[in-house]
Amino acid sequence: MNLSNLRPPAGQKHSRRRVGRGMGTGRGKTSGRGHKGQHSISGASLMRGFEGGQMPLHRRLPKRGFKNPFRKEYAVVNVGRLEKLEGDSFDPVRLMELGVIKKLKDGLKILGGGELKRKITVAAHLFSQSALEKIQAAGGKAEVIGAAGQ
């Protein structure tokens, strides 16, 4: 094997199409751009979303509400789901290993849906009030992990 003998596979490389080199080439005169019109001259470009002077779709549609750019999105798990899992200690890493959450996003939030009958220890970024009450009523412990999303 010699590096000077390396060549790309046959048919992979193509020579550049030369336009404007006479009528016999099939790409002479107007060079495939047609006659007149908006795209016929060099430097022709259109604004993204341009519809030929018609009011563009992005301007025709109504804009409503407010999108908060600083919104935090949490991976959520109900206490009823934790009840069904094996083990008595849960944190974001363990829940990802078990396949309960796919992505951590800005943190983990435990919600109070379902029932909890056994003692468990849960480490998460946020807890709902009902989740806290259910975990403590079952004799478990809820640990808050540092600042969520930072």
N, C-alpha and C. Protein backbone atom coordinates (compact mmCIF):
# COMPACT_ATOMS: atom_id res chain seq x y z
N MET A 1 0.85 -1.20 0.00
CA MET A 1 0.00 0.00 0.00
C MET A 1 0.88 1.24 0.00
N ASN A 2 0.63 2.11 -0.97
CA ASN A 2 1.42 3.32 -1.11
C ASN A 2 0.46 4.50 -1.21
N LEU A 3 0.65 5.55 -0.42
CA LEU A 3 -0.26 6.69 -0.41
C LEU A 3 -0.32 7.41 -1.75
N SER A 4 0.76 7.31 -2.54
CA SER A 4 0.76 7.99 -3.84
C SER A 4 -0.11 7.25 -4.86
N ASN A 5 -0.51 6.02 -4.55
CA ASN A 5 -1.36 5.25 -5.46
C ASN A 5 -2.85 5.35 -5.14
N LEU A 6 -3.19 6.04 -4.05
CA LEU A 6 -4.60 6.14 -3.67
C LEU A 6 -5.39 6.98 -4.67
N ARG A 7 -6.53 6.47 -5.09
CA ARG A 7 -7.41 7.18 -6.01
C ARG A 7 -8.85 7.01 -5.51
N PRO A 8 -9.71 8.02 -5.75
CA PRO A 8 -11.12 7.84 -5.38
C PRO A 8 -11.77 6.80 -6.28
N PRO A 9 -12.88 6.18 -5.84
CA PRO A 9 -13.56 5.18 -6.68
C PRO A 9 -14.00 5.78 -8.01
N ALA A 10 -14.07 4.95 -9.02
CA ALA A 10 -14.46 5.41 -10.36
C ALA A 10 -15.87 6.00 -10.32
N GLY A 11 -16.05 7.18 -10.89
CA GLY A 11 -17.37 7.81 -10.93
C GLY A 11 -17.66 8.71 -9.74
N GLN A 12 -16.76 8.75 -8.78
CA GLN A 12 -17.04 9.59 -7.60
C GLN A 12 -16.74 11.06 -7.87
N LYS A 13 -15.65 11.33 -8.57
CA LYS A 13 -15.26 12.71 -8.87
C LYS A 13 -15.74 13.11 -10.27
N HIS A 14 -16.29 14.31 -10.38
CA HIS A 14 -16.76 14.81 -11.66
C HIS A 14 -16.10 16.14 -11.96
N SER A 15 -15.81 16.36 -13.23
CA SER A 15 -15.22 17.65 -13.59
C SER A 15 -16.33 18.71 -13.60
N ARG A 16 -15.96 19.93 -13.28
CA ARG A 16 -16.89 21.03 -13.19
C ARG A 16 -17.52 21.32 -14.54
N ARG A 17 -18.83 21.58 -14.58
CA ARG A 17 -19.51 21.89 -15.85
C ARG A 17 -19.14 23.32 -16.25
N ARG A 18 -18.54 23.46 -17.42
CA ARG A 18 -18.13 24.78 -17.91
C ARG A 18 -19.25 25.35 -18.77
N VAL A 19 -19.82 26.46 -18.32
CA VAL A 19 -20.93 27.07 -19.05
C VAL A 19 -20.46 28.32 -19.76
N GLY A 20 -21.21 28.70 -20.77
CA GLY A 20 -20.89 29.93 -21.50
C GLY A 20 -19.69 29.77 -22.41
N ARG A 21 -19.47 28.58 -22.97
CA ARG A 21 -18.30 28.34 -23.83
C ARG A 21 -18.73 27.95 -25.26
N GLY A 22 -19.76 28.63 -25.74
CA GLY A 22 -20.15 28.42 -27.14
C GLY A 22 -21.39 27.59 -27.29
N MET A 23 -22.05 27.78 -28.43
CA MET A 23 -23.33 27.13 -28.69
C MET A 23 -23.21 25.62 -28.81
N GLY A 24 -22.08 25.14 -29.26
CA GLY A 24 -21.90 23.71 -29.49
C GLY A 24 -21.90 22.89 -28.20
N THR A 25 -21.67 23.53 -27.08
CA THR A 25 -21.58 22.78 -25.82
C THR A 25 -22.95 22.45 -25.25
N GLY A 26 -23.98 23.15 -25.69
CA GLY A 26 -25.31 22.95 -25.12
C GLY A 26 -25.55 23.81 -23.90
N ARG A 27 -24.49 24.51 -23.46
CA ARG A 27 -24.61 25.40 -22.31
C ARG A 27 -23.99 26.75 -22.64
N GLY A 28 -24.15 27.19 -23.88
CA GLY A 28 -23.58 28.47 -24.30
C GLY A 28 -24.60 29.57 -24.16
N LYS A 29 -24.28 30.72 -24.69
CA LYS A 29 -25.15 31.90 -24.70
C LYS A 29 -25.69 32.25 -23.32
N THR A 30 -26.85 31.74 -22.91
CA THR A 30 -27.45 32.14 -21.63
C THR A 30 -26.97 31.26 -20.48
N SER A 31 -26.13 30.28 -20.75
CA SER A 31 -25.54 29.41 -19.73
C SER A 31 -26.57 28.71 -18.86
N GLY A 32 -27.69 28.32 -19.45
CA GLY A 32 -28.69 27.56 -18.70
C GLY A 32 -29.59 28.41 -17.82
N ARG A 33 -29.47 29.75 -17.95
CA ARG A 33 -30.28 30.63 -17.09
C ARG A 33 -31.56 31.11 -17.76
N GLY A 34 -31.73 30.83 -19.02
CA GLY A 34 -32.91 31.30 -19.74
C GLY A 34 -32.78 32.76 -20.12
N HIS A 35 -33.84 33.32 -20.71
CA HIS A 35 -33.81 34.72 -21.15
C HIS A 35 -34.49 35.62 -20.13
N LYS A 36 -33.89 36.73 -19.84
CA LYS A 36 -34.44 37.73 -18.91
C LYS A 36 -34.84 37.09 -17.58
N GLY A 37 -35.71 37.74 -16.85
CA GLY A 37 -36.18 37.16 -15.60
C GLY A 37 -35.26 37.45 -14.43
N GLN A 38 -35.77 37.18 -13.24
CA GLN A 38 -35.11 37.58 -12.01
C GLN A 38 -33.77 36.88 -11.77
N HIS A 39 -33.65 35.62 -12.20
CA HIS A 39 -32.44 34.85 -11.90
C HIS A 39 -31.43 34.86 -13.04
N SER A 40 -31.68 35.63 -14.08
CA SER A 40 -30.83 35.56 -15.27
C SER A 40 -29.49 36.27 -15.10
N ILE A 41 -29.40 37.23 -14.17
CA ILE A 41 -28.14 37.96 -14.02
C ILE A 41 -27.36 37.46 -12.82
N SER A 42 -26.06 37.77 -12.81
CA SER A 42 -25.23 37.33 -11.69
C SER A 42 -25.60 38.09 -10.43
N GLY A 43 -25.41 37.47 -9.31
CA GLY A 43 -25.70 38.11 -8.03
C GLY A 43 -27.16 38.10 -7.66
N ALA A 44 -27.98 37.36 -8.41
CA ALA A 44 -29.42 37.32 -8.12
C ALA A 44 -29.67 36.44 -6.91
N SER A 45 -30.36 36.98 -5.91
CA SER A 45 -30.73 36.18 -4.75
C SER A 45 -32.04 36.71 -4.18
N LEU A 46 -32.80 35.84 -3.57
CA LEU A 46 -34.08 36.23 -3.01
C LEU A 46 -34.07 36.07 -1.51
N MET A 47 -34.87 36.88 -0.85
CA MET A 47 -35.04 36.76 0.58
C MET A 47 -35.72 35.42 0.91
N ARG A 48 -35.33 34.81 1.99
CA ARG A 48 -35.95 33.55 2.41
C ARG A 48 -37.44 33.77 2.65
N GLY A 49 -38.29 32.92 2.08
CA GLY A 49 -39.73 33.05 2.25
C GLY A 49 -40.39 33.97 1.24
N PHE A 50 -39.61 34.49 0.26
CA PHE A 50 -40.17 35.40 -0.74
C PHE A 50 -41.15 34.66 -1.65
N GLU A 51 -42.32 35.25 -1.89
CA GLU A 51 -43.36 34.61 -2.70
C GLU A 51 -43.76 35.46 -3.89
N GLY A 52 -42.79 36.08 -4.52
CA GLY A 52 -43.07 36.84 -5.73
C GLY A 52 -43.84 38.11 -5.49
N GLY A 53 -43.74 38.71 -4.34
CA GLY A 53 -44.45 39.96 -4.05
C GLY A 53 -45.72 39.72 -3.26
N GLN A 54 -46.25 38.48 -3.30
CA GLN A 54 -47.41 38.14 -2.45
C GLN A 54 -46.96 38.19 -0.99
N MET A 55 -47.89 38.53 -0.10
CA MET A 55 -47.56 38.60 1.32
C MET A 55 -47.10 37.20 1.79
N PRO A 56 -45.88 37.09 2.27
CA PRO A 56 -45.34 35.77 2.64
C PRO A 56 -46.15 35.10 3.76
N LEU A 57 -46.10 33.79 3.77
CA LEU A 57 -46.87 33.01 4.73
C LEU A 57 -46.53 33.40 6.17
N HIS A 58 -45.26 33.62 6.46
CA HIS A 58 -44.87 33.96 7.83
C HIS A 58 -45.39 35.32 8.27
N ARG A 59 -45.81 36.15 7.32
CA ARG A 59 -46.43 37.42 7.69
C ARG A 59 -47.95 37.35 7.66
N ARG A 60 -48.50 36.36 6.94
CA ARG A 60 -49.97 36.21 6.87
C ARG A 60 -50.52 35.56 8.14
N LEU A 61 -49.74 34.71 8.77
CA LEU A 61 -50.23 33.98 9.94
C LEU A 61 -50.24 34.87 11.18
N PRO A 62 -51.24 34.71 12.04
CA PRO A 62 -51.30 35.53 13.25
C PRO A 62 -50.24 35.11 14.27
N LYS A 63 -49.71 36.09 14.98
CA LYS A 63 -48.77 35.82 16.05
C LYS A 63 -49.53 36.02 17.36
N ARG A 64 -49.48 35.02 18.25
CA ARG A 64 -50.21 35.15 19.51
C ARG A 64 -49.35 34.70 20.67
N GLY A 65 -49.63 35.26 21.81
CA GLY A 65 -49.00 34.79 23.03
C GLY A 65 -47.57 35.23 23.19
N PHE A 66 -46.89 34.54 24.11
CA PHE A 66 -45.53 34.90 24.47
C PHE A 66 -44.73 33.63 24.66
N LYS A 67 -43.57 33.54 24.03
CA LYS A 67 -42.68 32.39 24.20
C LYS A 67 -41.54 32.83 25.10
N ASN A 68 -41.48 32.26 26.28
CA ASN A 68 -40.45 32.64 27.23
C ASN A 68 -39.13 31.97 26.85
N PRO A 69 -38.12 32.76 26.48
CA PRO A 69 -36.84 32.14 26.08
C PRO A 69 -36.09 31.52 27.26
N PHE A 70 -36.47 31.87 28.49
CA PHE A 70 -35.78 31.36 29.68
C PHE A 70 -36.54 30.23 30.36
N ARG A 71 -37.57 29.69 29.67
CA ARG A 71 -38.40 28.63 30.25
C ARG A 71 -37.55 27.40 30.57
N LYS A 72 -37.79 26.81 31.74
CA LYS A 72 -37.09 25.59 32.14
C LYS A 72 -38.01 24.41 31.91
N GLU A 73 -37.49 23.36 31.31
CA GLU A 73 -38.27 22.16 31.06
C GLU A 73 -37.65 21.01 31.84
N TYR A 74 -38.46 20.36 32.64
CA TYR A 74 -37.96 19.30 33.51
C TYR A 74 -38.43 17.93 33.05
N ALA A 75 -37.59 16.92 33.34
CA ALA A 75 -38.01 15.54 33.16
C ALA A 75 -38.86 15.22 34.39
N VAL A 76 -40.09 14.72 34.20
CA VAL A 76 -40.99 14.49 35.33
C VAL A 76 -41.24 13.01 35.57
N VAL A 77 -41.34 12.64 36.85
CA VAL A 77 -41.64 11.27 37.25
C VAL A 77 -42.63 11.34 38.41
N ASN A 78 -43.67 10.51 38.34
CA ASN A 78 -44.64 10.44 39.43
C ASN A 78 -44.17 9.46 40.50
N VAL A 79 -44.62 9.69 41.75
CA VAL A 79 -44.23 8.78 42.84
C VAL A 79 -44.80 7.38 42.61
N GLY A 80 -45.93 7.28 41.93
CA GLY A 80 -46.52 5.98 41.62
C GLY A 80 -45.59 5.15 40.74
N ARG A 81 -44.84 5.81 39.88
CA ARG A 81 -43.88 5.11 39.01
C ARG A 81 -42.69 4.63 39.83
N LEU A 82 -42.27 5.42 40.80
CA LEU A 82 -41.15 5.03 41.67
C LEU A 82 -41.53 3.83 42.54
N GLU A 83 -42.81 3.74 42.91
CA GLU A 83 -43.33 2.63 43.71
C GLU A 83 -43.10 1.29 42.99
N LYS A 84 -43.27 1.30 41.67
CA LYS A 84 -43.18 0.06 40.88
C LYS A 84 -41.74 -0.37 40.61
N LEU A 85 -40.78 0.55 40.77
CA LEU A 85 -39.39 0.24 40.48
C LEU A 85 -38.72 -0.51 41.62
N GLU A 86 -37.71 -1.31 41.27
CA GLU A 86 -36.95 -2.03 42.30
C GLU A 86 -35.92 -1.10 42.91
N GLY A 87 -35.59 -1.34 44.17
CA GLY A 87 -34.63 -0.51 44.87
C GLY A 87 -35.32 0.50 45.76
N ASP A 88 -34.54 1.13 46.64
CA ASP A 88 -35.14 2.10 47.56
C ASP A 88 -34.48 3.47 47.50
N SER A 89 -33.52 3.63 46.57
CA SER A 89 -32.85 4.92 46.42
C SER A 89 -32.83 5.31 44.95
N PHE A 90 -33.33 6.51 44.65
CA PHE A 90 -33.42 6.95 43.26
C PHE A 90 -32.83 8.34 43.09
N ASP A 91 -32.07 8.51 42.01
CA ASP A 91 -31.55 9.82 41.61
C ASP A 91 -31.61 9.88 40.09
N PRO A 92 -31.34 11.04 39.47
CA PRO A 92 -31.48 11.16 38.02
C PRO A 92 -30.68 10.12 37.22
N VAL A 93 -29.45 9.84 37.67
CA VAL A 93 -28.61 8.88 36.95
C VAL A 93 -29.23 7.49 36.99
N ARG A 94 -29.71 7.08 38.16
CA ARG A 94 -30.33 5.75 38.32
C ARG A 94 -31.60 5.65 37.48
N LEU A 95 -32.41 6.70 37.46
CA LEU A 95 -33.64 6.68 36.68
C LEU A 95 -33.37 6.61 35.18
N MET A 96 -32.27 7.22 34.73
CA MET A 96 -31.89 7.11 33.32
C MET A 96 -31.44 5.69 33.00
N GLU A 97 -30.71 5.06 33.91
CA GLU A 97 -30.27 3.68 33.71
C GLU A 97 -31.47 2.74 33.63
N LEU A 98 -32.48 2.99 34.45
CA LEU A 98 -33.68 2.15 34.46
C LEU A 98 -34.60 2.43 33.28
N GLY A 99 -34.34 3.52 32.54
CA GLY A 99 -35.15 3.85 31.37
C GLY A 99 -36.43 4.60 31.70
N VAL A 100 -36.52 5.12 32.92
CA VAL A 100 -37.72 5.87 33.33
C VAL A 100 -37.73 7.24 32.65
N ILE A 101 -36.56 7.88 32.59
CA ILE A 101 -36.44 9.15 31.87
C ILE A 101 -35.41 8.99 30.75
N LYS A 102 -35.70 9.63 29.63
CA LYS A 102 -34.79 9.53 28.47
C LYS A 102 -33.75 10.64 28.51
N LYS A 103 -34.22 11.88 28.79
CA LYS A 103 -33.35 13.05 28.81
C LYS A 103 -33.59 13.83 30.08
N LEU A 104 -32.53 14.32 30.69
CA LEU A 104 -32.67 15.05 31.95
C LEU A 104 -33.17 16.48 31.74
N LYS A 105 -32.92 17.07 30.55
CA LYS A 105 -33.31 18.44 30.24
C LYS A 105 -32.73 19.41 31.27
N ASP A 106 -33.59 20.22 31.95
CA ASP A 106 -33.08 21.19 32.92
C ASP A 106 -33.07 20.63 34.34
N GLY A 107 -33.43 19.40 34.53
CA GLY A 107 -33.44 18.80 35.85
C GLY A 107 -34.57 17.78 35.98
N LEU A 108 -34.67 17.18 37.16
CA LEU A 108 -35.69 16.16 37.43
C LEU A 108 -36.69 16.71 38.43
N LYS A 109 -37.98 16.54 38.14
CA LYS A 109 -39.03 16.96 39.05
C LYS A 109 -39.88 15.75 39.40
N ILE A 110 -40.13 15.57 40.69
CA ILE A 110 -40.97 14.47 41.16
C ILE A 110 -42.36 15.01 41.43
N LEU A 111 -43.37 14.38 40.82
CA LEU A 111 -44.77 14.79 41.00
C LEU A 111 -45.50 13.77 41.87
N GLY A 112 -46.66 14.17 42.39
CA GLY A 112 -47.38 13.35 43.37
C GLY A 112 -48.41 12.40 42.81
N GLY A 113 -48.37 12.07 41.53
CA GLY A 113 -49.35 11.15 40.96
C GLY A 113 -49.13 9.72 41.43
N GLY A 114 -50.21 9.01 41.74
CA GLY A 114 -50.10 7.61 42.18
C GLY A 114 -49.94 7.50 43.68
N GLU A 115 -49.76 6.26 44.14
CA GLU A 115 -49.61 6.01 45.59
C GLU A 115 -48.22 5.49 45.91
N LEU A 116 -47.77 5.79 47.10
CA LEU A 116 -46.46 5.33 47.57
C LEU A 116 -46.66 4.65 48.92
N LYS A 117 -46.31 3.35 49.01
CA LYS A 117 -46.55 2.59 50.23
C LYS A 117 -45.27 2.15 50.92
N ARG A 118 -44.12 2.35 50.27
CA ARG A 118 -42.86 1.91 50.89
C ARG A 118 -41.91 3.08 51.08
N LYS A 119 -40.92 2.83 51.90
CA LYS A 119 -39.95 3.86 52.26
C LYS A 119 -38.88 3.95 51.16
N ILE A 120 -38.76 5.13 50.54
CA ILE A 120 -37.74 5.33 49.51
C ILE A 120 -37.01 6.64 49.74
N THR A 121 -35.80 6.73 49.16
CA THR A 121 -35.02 7.96 49.19
C THR A 121 -34.92 8.46 47.75
N VAL A 122 -35.33 9.72 47.55
CA VAL A 122 -35.33 10.29 46.20
C VAL A 122 -34.51 11.57 46.19
N ALA A 123 -33.58 11.64 45.21
CA ALA A 123 -32.80 12.86 45.02
C ALA A 123 -33.24 13.47 43.69
N ALA A 124 -33.75 14.70 43.72
CA ALA A 124 -34.21 15.37 42.50
C ALA A 124 -34.01 16.87 42.63
N HIS A 125 -34.16 17.58 41.52
CA HIS A 125 -33.99 19.03 41.53
C HIS A 125 -35.21 19.74 42.11
N LEU A 126 -36.41 19.20 41.85
CA LEU A 126 -37.64 19.80 42.36
C LEU A 126 -38.62 18.73 42.79
N PHE A 127 -39.46 19.06 43.76
CA PHE A 127 -40.54 18.17 44.22
C PHE A 127 -41.82 18.97 44.28
N SER A 128 -42.93 18.36 43.88
CA SER A 128 -44.22 19.03 44.09
C SER A 128 -44.58 18.83 45.55
N GLN A 129 -45.49 19.67 46.05
CA GLN A 129 -45.88 19.60 47.47
C GLN A 129 -46.49 18.23 47.78
N SER A 130 -47.35 17.73 46.89
CA SER A 130 -48.00 16.45 47.15
C SER A 130 -47.00 15.30 47.12
N ALA A 131 -45.98 15.39 46.27
CA ALA A 131 -44.95 14.35 46.21
C ALA A 131 -44.15 14.32 47.51
N LEU A 132 -43.80 15.51 48.01
CA LEU A 132 -43.07 15.60 49.28
C LEU A 132 -43.86 14.95 50.41
N GLU A 133 -45.15 15.29 50.47
CA GLU A 133 -46.01 14.76 51.53
C GLU A 133 -46.12 13.24 51.45
N LYS A 134 -46.26 12.69 50.25
CA LYS A 134 -46.40 11.24 50.09
C LYS A 134 -45.11 10.51 50.45
N ILE A 135 -43.96 11.07 50.05
CA ILE A 135 -42.68 10.44 50.35
C ILE A 135 -42.44 10.44 51.86
N GLN A 136 -42.72 11.58 52.53
CA GLN A 136 -42.50 11.68 53.98
C GLN A 136 -43.51 10.86 54.76
N ALA A 137 -44.75 10.76 54.27
CA ALA A 137 -45.78 9.96 54.94
C ALA A 137 -45.42 8.47 54.91
N ALA A 138 -44.72 8.04 53.85
CA ALA A 138 -44.31 6.63 53.74
C ALA A 138 -43.01 6.38 54.53
N GLY A 139 -42.46 7.42 55.15
CA GLY A 139 -41.23 7.28 55.94
C GLY A 139 -39.97 7.46 55.12
N GLY A 140 -40.10 7.95 53.91
CA GLY A 140 -38.95 8.12 53.03
C GLY A 140 -38.30 9.48 53.17
N LYS A 141 -37.32 9.74 52.31
CA LYS A 141 -36.57 10.98 52.38
C LYS A 141 -36.48 11.61 50.99
N ALA A 142 -36.69 12.92 50.91
CA ALA A 142 -36.59 13.67 49.65
C ALA A 142 -35.42 14.63 49.74
N GLU A 143 -34.42 14.41 48.88
CA GLU A 143 -33.23 15.26 48.88
C GLU A 143 -33.24 16.16 47.65
N VAL A 144 -33.04 17.46 47.88
CA VAL A 144 -33.01 18.41 46.77
C VAL A 144 -31.58 18.53 46.27
N ILE A 145 -31.40 18.26 44.97
CA ILE A 145 -30.07 18.40 44.34
C ILE A 145 -29.88 19.88 44.06
N GLY A 146 -28.62 20.34 44.02
CA GLY A 146 -28.28 21.74 43.78
C GLY A 146 -29.17 22.47 42.81
N ALA A 147 -28.85 23.70 42.47
CA ALA A 147 -29.67 24.55 41.62
C ALA A 147 -29.99 23.85 40.30
N ALA A 148 -31.26 23.77 39.97
CA ALA A 148 -31.70 23.07 38.76
C ALA A 148 -31.32 23.86 37.52
N GLY A 149 -30.85 23.15 36.49
CA GLY A 149 -30.58 23.76 35.20
C GLY A 149 -29.32 24.62 35.17
N GLN A 150 -28.40 24.45 36.14
CA GLN A 150 -27.17 25.26 36.12
C GLN A 150 -25.95 24.39 36.28
